[in-house]
Amino acid sequence: MKSVLLIGQSNMAGRGFIEDVSPIYNEHIKMLRNGRWQMMAEPLNFDRHVSGVGPAASFAHAWTEAHPGEFIGLIPCAEGGSSIDEWAIDGILTRHAISEAKFAMETSELVGILWHQGESDSYGERYKTYEDKLLSLFKHLREELNAPDIPILIGESGHYLGEVGFGKSAVEYKQINEILSQVAHSEKNCYFVTSKGLTANPDGIHINALSQRKFGLRYFEAFSKQKHVLDILDIENEWIEKIAERELTKNERIFVQSTEFALGQLSFEEFSNNISNMNESK
C-alpha cells in the first residue's frame, strides 16, 4: 500500500462543511487512526471537533482512479491554527508527524507529503523568516524519513484572505504565497498547487468544501505529473459530479449502513434487513 503524509494547519486538516458536498466512500482509501488502517471517512484529520472536508479525500480518490485495485493510506497530522514556528524540527507537531509516518511506513510505502500552512504567519512581518523555517522543515522531514527524493506538494493560501471574518488579519498572505511558490520552484521534487478560484466558508479563512474537492484534485495533478499546477483544471466540476454519482461497492454500502446505524439514523431492524438484502443480492 502507498501512503501520504498530511501536514500543515486547518486548511489541510479541513474545515469545509461536510453537508455541502457528497461524501467520498472508497474502500481503497485508508486512514491511519489509533495505529490502524481504517476505511476513510470525513472528517479524517480530527484535530478539532469542528473538523470537516479537506483536500486529502479527493486527492486520494483521484489516486485510486489512476491505480485501479490498489490502496492508498492517509496519515493525518495537520493541526489547526499552527504557525511555522510550531513546525520547528524539534517541535511537537513535527515529532508527531515523523512518528506517525514512520509507523505507517511499517505497512506502507510513503510516496508523498501534502503541505498547506501559512495563514497563521500572514501578519506581523512573519514572512521575513518564513522561508528559512520552511526549508529547514522539509530538509528535516526528508532526512528523518530517509526519503531524500519524496515529492512535497505545497498548497497556496486562498486569494480571498485579508478581506472578511477571521481571514481579515491575514494581510500578508501574498508575501507568504510568494515564498511558497519560490520554495516549490527552487527545491528538488517540490510542486506548487494554486488556490486560484477557490472560495471560503463565511469565516473568511477556511476553504469551503466544494473548493477543497477541487484543491485535492489539483494536489493530485501536481503529484501524478510531477509539475506545478498554476491554474484551474478544466475537469474540476465534471470530476466532482462524477464521483458524486459513483455507484458504491458492496463493502462501501455496508460501511455507510453501519455508520447510519451507529449514529441512530437507522433502527437495528432496518440495519439488519438492509445488510441481509445486500448479502442476498448479486
C-alpha atoms as a PDB file:
ATOM      1  CA  MET A   1       0.000   0.000   0.000  1.00  0.00           C
ATOM      2  CA  LYS A   2       1.133   3.544  -0.739  1.00  0.00           C
ATOM      3  CA  SER A   3       0.711   6.341   1.793  1.00  0.00           C
ATOM      4  CA  VAL A   4       0.908  10.127   2.022  1.00  0.00           C
ATOM      5  CA  LEU A   5       1.570  12.394   4.990  1.00  0.00           C
ATOM      6  CA  LEU A   6      -0.813  15.322   5.585  1.00  0.00           C
ATOM      7  CA  ILE A   7       0.719  18.256   7.444  1.00  0.00           C
ATOM      8  CA  GLY A   8       0.097  21.956   7.965  1.00  0.00           C
ATOM      9  CA  GLN A   9      -2.768  23.814   9.575  1.00  0.00           C
ATOM     10  CA  SER A  10      -6.568  23.863   9.402  1.00  0.00           C
ATOM     11  CA  ASN A  11      -6.997  24.063   5.633  1.00  0.00           C
ATOM     12  CA  MET A  12      -5.077  20.787   5.333  1.00  0.00           C
ATOM     13  CA  ALA A  13      -6.975  19.267   8.243  1.00  0.00           C
ATOM     14  CA  GLY A  14     -10.186  20.501   6.625  1.00  0.00           C
ATOM     15  CA  ARG A  15     -12.928  22.848   7.763  1.00  0.00           C
ATOM     16  CA  GLY A  16     -15.253  22.554   4.779  1.00  0.00           C
ATOM     17  CA  PHE A  17     -18.839  21.857   5.833  1.00  0.00           C
ATOM     18  CA  ILE A  18     -19.452  18.138   5.357  1.00  0.00           C
ATOM     19  CA  GLU A  19     -23.085  18.616   4.334  1.00  0.00           C
ATOM     20  CA  ASP A  20     -22.050  20.866   1.435  1.00  0.00           C
ATOM     21  CA  VAL A  21     -20.633  18.048  -0.715  1.00  0.00           C
ATOM     22  CA  SER A  22     -21.409  14.439  -1.494  1.00  0.00           C
ATOM     23  CA  PRO A  23     -19.369  12.129   0.738  1.00  0.00           C
ATOM     24  CA  ILE A  24     -16.474  10.138  -0.670  1.00  0.00           C
ATOM     25  CA  TYR A  25     -16.677   6.459   0.246  1.00  0.00           C
ATOM     26  CA  ASN A  26     -13.917   4.371  -1.281  1.00  0.00           C
ATOM     27  CA  GLU A  27     -12.785   1.073   0.200  1.00  0.00           C
ATOM     28  CA  HIS A  28      -9.355   1.551  -1.373  1.00  0.00           C
ATOM     29  CA  ILE A  29      -8.680   4.677   0.687  1.00  0.00           C
ATOM     30  CA  LYS A  30      -7.462   4.075   4.229  1.00  0.00           C
ATOM     31  CA  MET A  31      -6.708   6.491   7.047  1.00  0.00           C
ATOM     32  CA  LEU A  32      -4.371   5.916   9.963  1.00  0.00           C
ATOM     33  CA  ARG A  33      -6.260   6.170  13.228  1.00  0.00           C
ATOM     34  CA  ASN A  34      -5.256   4.684  16.596  1.00  0.00           C
ATOM     35  CA  GLY A  35      -2.462   2.801  14.894  1.00  0.00           C
ATOM     36  CA  ARG A  36      -4.735   1.021  12.434  1.00  0.00           C
ATOM     37  CA  TRP A  37      -5.592   1.491   8.791  1.00  0.00           C
ATOM     38  CA  GLN A  38      -9.325   2.130   8.654  1.00  0.00           C
ATOM     39  CA  MET A  39     -11.570   2.872   5.709  1.00  0.00           C
ATOM     40  CA  MET A  40     -11.544   6.618   5.194  1.00  0.00           C
ATOM     41  CA  ALA A  41     -14.450   8.777   6.270  1.00  0.00           C
ATOM     42  CA  GLU A  42     -14.530  12.529   6.682  1.00  0.00           C
ATOM     43  CA  PRO A  43     -13.522  14.276   8.817  1.00  0.00           C
ATOM     44  CA  LEU A  44     -10.333  12.268   8.521  1.00  0.00           C
ATOM     45  CA  ASN A  45      -7.963  14.762  10.195  1.00  0.00           C
ATOM     46  CA  PHE A  46      -9.724  15.043  13.548  1.00  0.00           C
ATOM     47  CA  ASP A  47      -7.610  17.787  15.112  1.00  0.00           C
ATOM     48  CA  ARG A  48     -10.713  19.644  16.315  1.00  0.00           C
ATOM     49  CA  HIS A  49     -14.346  18.825  16.994  1.00  0.00           C
ATOM     50  CA  VAL A  50     -15.167  21.187  14.100  1.00  0.00           C
ATOM     51  CA  SER A  51     -13.066  19.276  11.571  1.00  0.00           C
ATOM     52  CA  GLY A  52     -14.599  18.816   8.149  1.00  0.00           C
ATOM     53  CA  VAL A  53     -13.697  18.440   4.484  1.00  0.00           C
ATOM     54  CA  GLY A  54     -10.075  18.945   3.445  1.00  0.00           C
ATOM     55  CA  PRO A  55      -8.189  18.254   0.213  1.00  0.00           C
ATOM     56  CA  ALA A  56      -6.992  14.752   1.083  1.00  0.00           C
ATOM     57  CA  ALA A  57     -10.147  12.770   0.281  1.00  0.00           C
ATOM     58  CA  SER A  58     -10.405  13.964  -3.319  1.00  0.00           C
ATOM     59  CA  PHE A  59      -6.634  13.636  -3.714  1.00  0.00           C
ATOM     60  CA  ALA A  60      -6.849  10.013  -2.616  1.00  0.00           C
ATOM     61  CA  HIS A  61      -9.915   9.260  -4.737  1.00  0.00           C
ATOM     62  CA  ALA A  62      -8.143  10.591  -7.812  1.00  0.00           C
ATOM     63  CA  TRP A  63      -5.161   8.417  -6.886  1.00  0.00           C
ATOM     64  CA  THR A  64      -7.334   5.284  -6.790  1.00  0.00           C
ATOM     65  CA  GLU A  65      -8.724   6.111 -10.225  1.00  0.00           C
ATOM     66  CA  ALA A  66      -5.176   6.211 -11.557  1.00  0.00           C
ATOM     67  CA  HIS A  67      -4.233   2.995  -9.724  1.00  0.00           C
ATOM     68  CA  PRO A  68      -7.220   0.606 -10.004  1.00  0.00           C
ATOM     69  CA  GLY A  69      -7.336  -2.069  -7.321  1.00  0.00           C
ATOM     70  CA  GLU A  70      -4.515  -0.534  -5.268  1.00  0.00           C
ATOM     71  CA  PHE A  71      -4.737   1.045  -1.828  1.00  0.00           C
ATOM     72  CA  ILE A  72      -3.708   4.495  -0.618  1.00  0.00           C
ATOM     73  CA  GLY A  73      -3.272   5.379   3.051  1.00  0.00           C
ATOM     74  CA  LEU A  74      -3.676   8.873   4.503  1.00  0.00           C
ATOM     75  CA  ILE A  75      -1.620   9.896   7.537  1.00  0.00           C
ATOM     76  CA  PRO A  76      -3.412  12.892   9.099  1.00  0.00           C
ATOM     77  CA  CYS A  77      -1.104  15.128  11.148  1.00  0.00           C
ATOM     78  CA  ALA A  78      -2.283  18.674  10.379  1.00  0.00           C
ATOM     79  CA  GLU A  79      -3.033  20.990  13.289  1.00  0.00           C
ATOM     80  CA  GLY A  80      -5.453  23.891  13.049  1.00  0.00           C
ATOM     81  CA  GLY A  81      -4.032  27.324  13.783  1.00  0.00           C
ATOM     82  CA  SER A  82      -0.438  26.136  13.826  1.00  0.00           C
ATOM     83  CA  SER A  83       2.313  28.557  12.836  1.00  0.00           C
ATOM     84  CA  ILE A  84       5.562  27.714  11.089  1.00  0.00           C
ATOM     85  CA  ASP A  85       7.304  28.021  14.466  1.00  0.00           C
ATOM     86  CA  GLU A  86       5.172  25.145  15.741  1.00  0.00           C
ATOM     87  CA  TRP A  87       6.550  23.100  12.854  1.00  0.00           C
ATOM     88  CA  ALA A  88      10.141  23.580  14.038  1.00  0.00           C
ATOM     89  CA  ILE A  89      12.281  20.480  13.619  1.00  0.00           C
ATOM     90  CA  ASP A  90      12.250  19.794  17.363  1.00  0.00           C
ATOM     91  CA  GLY A  91       8.621  20.832  17.854  1.00  0.00           C
ATOM     92  CA  ILE A  92       5.804  18.585  18.997  1.00  0.00           C
ATOM     93  CA  LEU A  93       3.910  18.713  15.703  1.00  0.00           C
ATOM     94  CA  THR A  94       6.929  17.754  13.626  1.00  0.00           C
ATOM     95  CA  ARG A  95       7.943  14.995  16.011  1.00  0.00           C
ATOM     96  CA  HIS A  96       4.410  13.622  15.976  1.00  0.00           C
ATOM     97  CA  ALA A  97       4.203  13.709  12.172  1.00  0.00           C
ATOM     98  CA  ILE A  98       7.514  11.886  11.837  1.00  0.00           C
ATOM     99  CA  SER A  99       6.452   9.308  14.409  1.00  0.00           C
ATOM    100  CA  GLU A 100       3.151   8.654  12.624  1.00  0.00           C
ATOM    101  CA  ALA A 101       4.842   8.488   9.221  1.00  0.00           C
ATOM    102  CA  LYS A 102       7.438   6.016  10.459  1.00  0.00           C
ATOM    103  CA  PHE A 103       4.705   3.880  11.984  1.00  0.00           C
ATOM    104  CA  ALA A 104       2.779   3.954   8.720  1.00  0.00           C
ATOM    105  CA  MET A 105       5.924   3.022   6.801  1.00  0.00           C
ATOM    106  CA  GLU A 106       5.973  -0.327   8.610  1.00  0.00           C
ATOM    107  CA  THR A 107       2.990  -1.374   6.496  1.00  0.00           C
ATOM    108  CA  SER A 108       3.063   1.040   3.551  1.00  0.00           C
ATOM    109  CA  GLU A 109       5.358   2.898   1.184  1.00  0.00           C
ATOM    110  CA  LEU A 110       5.392   6.635   1.852  1.00  0.00           C
ATOM    111  CA  VAL A 111       5.164   8.327  -1.557  1.00  0.00           C
ATOM    112  CA  GLY A 112       4.303  11.943  -0.837  1.00  0.00           C
ATOM    113  CA  ILE A 113       3.846  14.798   1.612  1.00  0.00           C
ATOM    114  CA  LEU A 114       0.968  17.275   1.319  1.00  0.00           C
ATOM    115  CA  TRP A 115       1.646  20.652   2.961  1.00  0.00           C
ATOM    116  CA  HIS A 116      -0.738  23.538   3.467  1.00  0.00           C
ATOM    117  CA  GLN A 117       0.164  26.202   6.005  1.00  0.00           C
ATOM    118  CA  GLY A 118       0.724  29.936   6.084  1.00  0.00           C
ATOM    119  CA  GLU A 119      -2.429  31.703   7.222  1.00  0.00           C
ATOM    120  CA  SER A 120      -1.085  31.900  10.787  1.00  0.00           C
ATOM    121  CA  ASP A 121       2.077  33.598   9.513  1.00  0.00           C
ATOM    122  CA  SER A 122       0.385  36.112   7.219  1.00  0.00           C
ATOM    123  CA  TYR A 123       0.730  39.120   9.527  1.00  0.00           C
ATOM    124  CA  GLY A 124       3.310  40.904  11.664  1.00  0.00           C
ATOM    125  CA  GLU A 125       6.079  40.549   9.042  1.00  0.00           C
ATOM    126  CA  ARG A 126       6.479  36.882   9.899  1.00  0.00           C
ATOM    127  CA  TYR A 127       7.076  36.211   6.212  1.00  0.00           C
ATOM    128  CA  LYS A 128      10.593  37.615   6.621  1.00  0.00           C
ATOM    129  CA  THR A 129      11.770  34.459   8.412  1.00  0.00           C
ATOM    130  CA  TYR A 130       9.267  32.020   6.897  1.00  0.00           C
ATOM    131  CA  GLU A 131      11.353  30.662   4.024  1.00  0.00           C
ATOM    132  CA  ASP A 132      14.303  29.508   6.110  1.00  0.00           C
ATOM    133  CA  LYS A 133      11.987  27.780   8.571  1.00  0.00           C
ATOM    134  CA  LEU A 134      10.075  26.016   5.802  1.00  0.00           C
ATOM    135  CA  LEU A 135      13.248  24.832   4.098  1.00  0.00           C
ATOM    136  CA  SER A 136      14.566  23.567   7.415  1.00  0.00           C
ATOM    137  CA  LEU A 137      11.367  21.583   7.996  1.00  0.00           C
ATOM    138  CA  PHE A 138      11.364  19.966   4.564  1.00  0.00           C
ATOM    139  CA  LYS A 139      15.041  19.035   4.849  1.00  0.00           C
ATOM    140  CA  HIS A 140      14.466  17.541   8.286  1.00  0.00           C
ATOM    141  CA  LEU A 141      11.448  15.508   7.185  1.00  0.00           C
ATOM    142  CA  ARG A 142      13.304  14.006   4.252  1.00  0.00           C
ATOM    143  CA  GLU A 143      16.292  13.131   6.427  1.00  0.00           C
ATOM    144  CA  GLU A 144      14.279  11.642   9.291  1.00  0.00           C
ATOM    145  CA  LEU A 145      12.078   9.608   6.969  1.00  0.00           C
ATOM    146  CA  ASN A 146      15.047   8.509   4.870  1.00  0.00           C
ATOM    147  CA  ALA A 147      13.214   9.814   1.828  1.00  0.00           C
ATOM    148  CA  PRO A 148      15.506  12.360   0.157  1.00  0.00           C
ATOM    149  CA  ASP A 149      13.514  12.457  -3.078  1.00  0.00           C
ATOM    150  CA  ILE A 150       9.959  12.267  -1.758  1.00  0.00           C
ATOM    151  CA  PRO A 151       7.624  14.718  -3.519  1.00  0.00           C
ATOM    152  CA  ILE A 152       6.321  17.572  -1.372  1.00  0.00           C
ATOM    153  CA  LEU A 153       3.138  19.253  -2.619  1.00  0.00           C
ATOM    154  CA  ILE A 154       2.809  22.863  -1.440  1.00  0.00           C
ATOM    155  CA  GLY A 155      -0.663  24.398  -1.415  1.00  0.00           C
ATOM    156  CA  GLU A 156      -1.162  28.122  -1.923  1.00  0.00           C
ATOM    157  CA  SER A 157      -3.123  30.132   0.653  1.00  0.00           C
ATOM    158  CA  GLY A 158      -6.513  31.380  -0.510  1.00  0.00           C
ATOM    159  CA  HIS A 159      -6.672  34.553  -2.588  1.00  0.00           C
ATOM    160  CA  TYR A 160      -9.718  35.590  -0.568  1.00  0.00           C
ATOM    161  CA  LEU A 161      -7.656  36.230   2.586  1.00  0.00           C
ATOM    162  CA  GLY A 162      -7.307  39.678   4.133  1.00  0.00           C
ATOM    163  CA  GLU A 163     -10.902  40.660   3.496  1.00  0.00           C
ATOM    164  CA  VAL A 164     -13.518  39.422   5.974  1.00  0.00           C
ATOM    165  CA  GLY A 165     -14.017  37.409   9.152  1.00  0.00           C
ATOM    166  CA  PHE A 166     -11.075  35.587  10.660  1.00  0.00           C
ATOM    167  CA  GLY A 167      -9.241  35.951   7.376  1.00  0.00           C
ATOM    168  CA  LYS A 168      -9.175  39.723   7.686  1.00  0.00           C
ATOM    169  CA  SER A 169      -5.984  39.659   9.755  1.00  0.00           C
ATOM    170  CA  ALA A 170      -4.062  37.649   7.122  1.00  0.00           C
ATOM    171  CA  VAL A 171      -2.982  40.808   5.325  1.00  0.00           C
ATOM    172  CA  GLU A 172       0.424  39.444   4.287  1.00  0.00           C
ATOM    173  CA  TYR A 173      -0.770  36.247   2.617  1.00  0.00           C
ATOM    174  CA  LYS A 174       0.611  37.405  -0.734  1.00  0.00           C
ATOM    175  CA  GLN A 175       4.124  37.533   0.699  1.00  0.00           C
ATOM    176  CA  ILE A 176       3.680  34.039   2.148  1.00  0.00           C
ATOM    177  CA  ASN A 177       2.367  32.751  -1.179  1.00  0.00           C
ATOM    178  CA  GLU A 178       5.379  34.202  -2.972  1.00  0.00           C
ATOM    179  CA  ILE A 179       7.658  32.278  -0.627  1.00  0.00           C
ATOM    180  CA  LEU A 180       5.668  29.058  -1.040  1.00  0.00           C
ATOM    181  CA  SER A 181       5.941  29.402  -4.799  1.00  0.00           C
ATOM    182  CA  GLN A 182       9.634  30.212  -4.652  1.00  0.00           C
ATOM    183  CA  VAL A 183      10.385  27.192  -2.489  1.00  0.00           C
ATOM    184  CA  ALA A 184       8.354  24.923  -4.745  1.00  0.00           C
ATOM    185  CA  HIS A 185      10.110  26.184  -7.869  1.00  0.00           C
ATOM    186  CA  SER A 186      13.619  26.050  -6.430  1.00  0.00           C
ATOM    187  CA  GLU A 187      13.657  22.890  -4.323  1.00  0.00           C
ATOM    188  CA  LYS A 188      14.002  19.409  -5.766  1.00  0.00           C
ATOM    189  CA  ASN A 189      10.730  17.448  -6.064  1.00  0.00           C
ATOM    190  CA  CYS A 190       8.604  20.240  -4.623  1.00  0.00           C
ATOM    191  CA  TYR A 191       5.494  21.279  -6.518  1.00  0.00           C
ATOM    192  CA  PHE A 192       3.241  24.306  -6.137  1.00  0.00           C
ATOM    193  CA  VAL A 193      -0.561  23.967  -6.141  1.00  0.00           C
ATOM    194  CA  THR A 194      -2.570  27.105  -6.877  1.00  0.00           C
ATOM    195  CA  SER A 195      -5.612  28.162  -4.879  1.00  0.00           C
ATOM    196  CA  LYS A 196      -6.879  30.298  -7.751  1.00  0.00           C
ATOM    197  CA  GLY A 197     -10.671  30.463  -7.854  1.00  0.00           C
ATOM    198  CA  LEU A 198     -11.175  28.694  -4.508  1.00  0.00           C
ATOM    199  CA  THR A 199     -13.680  30.227  -2.124  1.00  0.00           C
ATOM    200  CA  ALA A 200     -14.043  30.349   1.640  1.00  0.00           C
ATOM    201  CA  ASN A 201     -16.521  29.487   4.347  1.00  0.00           C
ATOM    202  CA  PRO A 202     -18.320  32.518   5.805  1.00  0.00           C
ATOM    203  CA  ASP A 203     -15.455  32.821   8.313  1.00  0.00           C
ATOM    204  CA  GLY A 204     -13.238  34.202   5.546  1.00  0.00           C
ATOM    205  CA  ILE A 205     -10.273  31.965   6.320  1.00  0.00           C
ATOM    206  CA  HIS A 206     -11.213  28.325   5.707  1.00  0.00           C
ATOM    207  CA  ILE A 207     -11.586  26.859   2.225  1.00  0.00           C
ATOM    208  CA  ASN A 208     -15.142  25.635   1.709  1.00  0.00           C
ATOM    209  CA  ALA A 209     -15.991  22.002   0.989  1.00  0.00           C
ATOM    210  CA  LEU A 210     -16.561  22.254  -2.762  1.00  0.00           C
ATOM    211  CA  SER A 211     -13.311  24.169  -3.211  1.00  0.00           C
ATOM    212  CA  GLN A 212     -11.480  21.585  -1.113  1.00  0.00           C
ATOM    213  CA  ARG A 213     -12.618  18.883  -3.520  1.00  0.00           C
ATOM    214  CA  LYS A 214     -11.096  20.932  -6.337  1.00  0.00           C
ATOM    215  CA  PHE A 215      -7.948  21.621  -4.328  1.00  0.00           C
ATOM    216  CA  GLY A 216      -7.381  17.919  -3.681  1.00  0.00           C
ATOM    217  CA  LEU A 217      -7.699  17.187  -7.388  1.00  0.00           C
ATOM    218  CA  ARG A 218      -5.082  19.862  -8.087  1.00  0.00           C
ATOM    219  CA  TYR A 219      -2.788  18.344  -5.483  1.00  0.00           C
ATOM    220  CA  PHE A 220      -3.089  15.010  -7.270  1.00  0.00           C
ATOM    221  CA  GLU A 221      -2.423  16.611 -10.651  1.00  0.00           C
ATOM    222  CA  ALA A 222       0.806  18.059  -9.272  1.00  0.00           C
ATOM    223  CA  PHE A 223       1.740  14.762  -7.623  1.00  0.00           C
ATOM    224  CA  SER A 224       0.955  12.468 -10.523  1.00  0.00           C
ATOM    225  CA  LYS A 225       2.552  14.615 -13.232  1.00  0.00           C
ATOM    226  CA  GLN A 226       5.329  15.997 -11.010  1.00  0.00           C
ATOM    227  CA  LYS A 227       4.673  19.535 -12.106  1.00  0.00           C
ATOM    228  CA  HIS A 228       3.396  22.791 -10.681  1.00  0.00           C
ATOM    229  CA  VAL A 229      -0.331  23.402 -11.019  1.00  0.00           C
ATOM    230  CA  LEU A 230      -0.674  27.113 -11.677  1.00  0.00           C
ATOM    231  CA  ASP A 231      -4.219  27.371 -12.964  1.00  0.00           C
ATOM    232  CA  ILE A 232      -7.723  25.964 -12.532  1.00  0.00           C
ATOM    233  CA  LEU A 233      -8.134  22.480 -14.023  1.00  0.00           C
ATOM    234  CA  ASP A 234     -10.733  22.237 -16.783  1.00  0.00           C
ATOM    235  CA  ILE A 235     -12.111  18.957 -15.413  1.00  0.00           C
ATOM    236  CA  GLU A 236     -12.812  20.053 -11.832  1.00  0.00           C
ATOM    237  CA  ASN A 237     -16.596  20.474 -11.897  1.00  0.00           C
ATOM    238  CA  GLU A 238     -17.170  17.477 -14.146  1.00  0.00           C
ATOM    239  CA  TRP A 239     -14.946  15.300 -11.948  1.00  0.00           C
ATOM    240  CA  ILE A 240     -16.749  16.301  -8.745  1.00  0.00           C
ATOM    241  CA  GLU A 241     -20.111  15.459 -10.345  1.00  0.00           C
ATOM    242  CA  LYS A 242     -18.749  12.106 -11.489  1.00  0.00           C
ATOM    243  CA  ILE A 243     -17.563  10.990  -8.062  1.00  0.00           C
ATOM    244  CA  ALA A 244     -20.855  12.137  -6.521  1.00  0.00           C
ATOM    245  CA  GLU A 245     -22.700   9.799  -8.908  1.00  0.00           C
ATOM    246  CA  ARG A 246     -20.297   6.875  -8.490  1.00  0.00           C
ATOM    247  CA  GLU A 247     -22.012   3.599  -7.569  1.00  0.00           C
ATOM    248  CA  LEU A 248     -20.745   2.253  -4.264  1.00  0.00           C
ATOM    249  CA  THR A 249     -19.322  -1.230  -3.887  1.00  0.00           C
ATOM    250  CA  LYS A 250     -20.935  -3.714  -1.500  1.00  0.00           C
ATOM    251  CA  ASN A 251     -18.296  -3.080   1.159  1.00  0.00           C
ATOM    252  CA  GLU A 252     -18.801   0.651   0.845  1.00  0.00           C
ATOM    253  CA  ARG A 253     -22.578   0.314   1.148  1.00  0.00           C
ATOM    254  CA  ILE A 254     -22.155  -1.809   4.280  1.00  0.00           C
ATOM    255  CA  PHE A 255     -19.845   0.863   5.676  1.00  0.00           C
ATOM    256  CA  VAL A 256     -22.490   3.537   5.060  1.00  0.00           C
ATOM    257  CA  GLN A 257     -25.215   1.422   6.658  1.00  0.00           C
ATOM    258  CA  SER A 258     -23.019   0.726   9.681  1.00  0.00           C
ATOM    259  CA  THR A 259     -22.334   4.436  10.059  1.00  0.00           C
ATOM    260  CA  GLU A 260     -26.005   5.382   9.869  1.00  0.00           C
ATOM    261  CA  PHE A 261     -26.906   2.704  12.421  1.00  0.00           C
ATOM    262  CA  ALA A 262     -24.159   3.844  14.802  1.00  0.00           C
ATOM    263  CA  LEU A 263     -25.435   7.425  14.548  1.00  0.00           C
ATOM    264  CA  GLY A 264     -29.000   6.388  15.332  1.00  0.00           C
ATOM    265  CA  GLN A 265     -30.238   7.109  11.831  1.00  0.00           C
ATOM    266  CA  LEU A 266     -31.373   3.501  11.344  1.00  0.00           C
ATOM    267  CA  SER A 267     -33.069   1.099  13.722  1.00  0.00           C
ATOM    268  CA  PHE A 268     -31.400  -2.251  14.313  1.00  0.00           C
ATOM    269  CA  GLU A 269     -34.171  -3.937  12.354  1.00  0.00           C
ATOM    270  CA  GLU A 270     -33.681  -1.612   9.381  1.00  0.00           C
ATOM    271  CA  PHE A 271     -29.928  -2.085   9.555  1.00  0.00           C
ATOM    272  CA  SER A 272     -30.196  -5.882   9.716  1.00  0.00           C
ATOM    273  CA  ASN A 273     -32.679  -6.035   6.844  1.00  0.00           C
ATOM    274  CA  ASN A 274     -30.545  -3.772   4.685  1.00  0.00           C
ATOM    275  CA  ILE A 275     -27.420  -5.849   5.288  1.00  0.00           C
ATOM    276  CA  SER A 276     -29.321  -9.079   4.600  1.00  0.00           C
ATOM    277  CA  ASN A 277     -30.626  -7.682   1.331  1.00  0.00           C
ATOM    278  CA  MET A 278     -27.096  -6.689   0.309  1.00  0.00           C
ATOM    279  CA  ASN A 279     -25.775 -10.145   1.079  1.00  0.00           C
ATOM    280  CA  GLU A 280     -28.557 -11.776  -0.895  1.00  0.00           C
ATOM    281  CA  SER A 281     -28.165  -9.542  -3.932  1.00  0.00           C
ATOM    282  CA  LYS A 282     -25.582 -10.397  -6.555  1.00  0.00           C
END
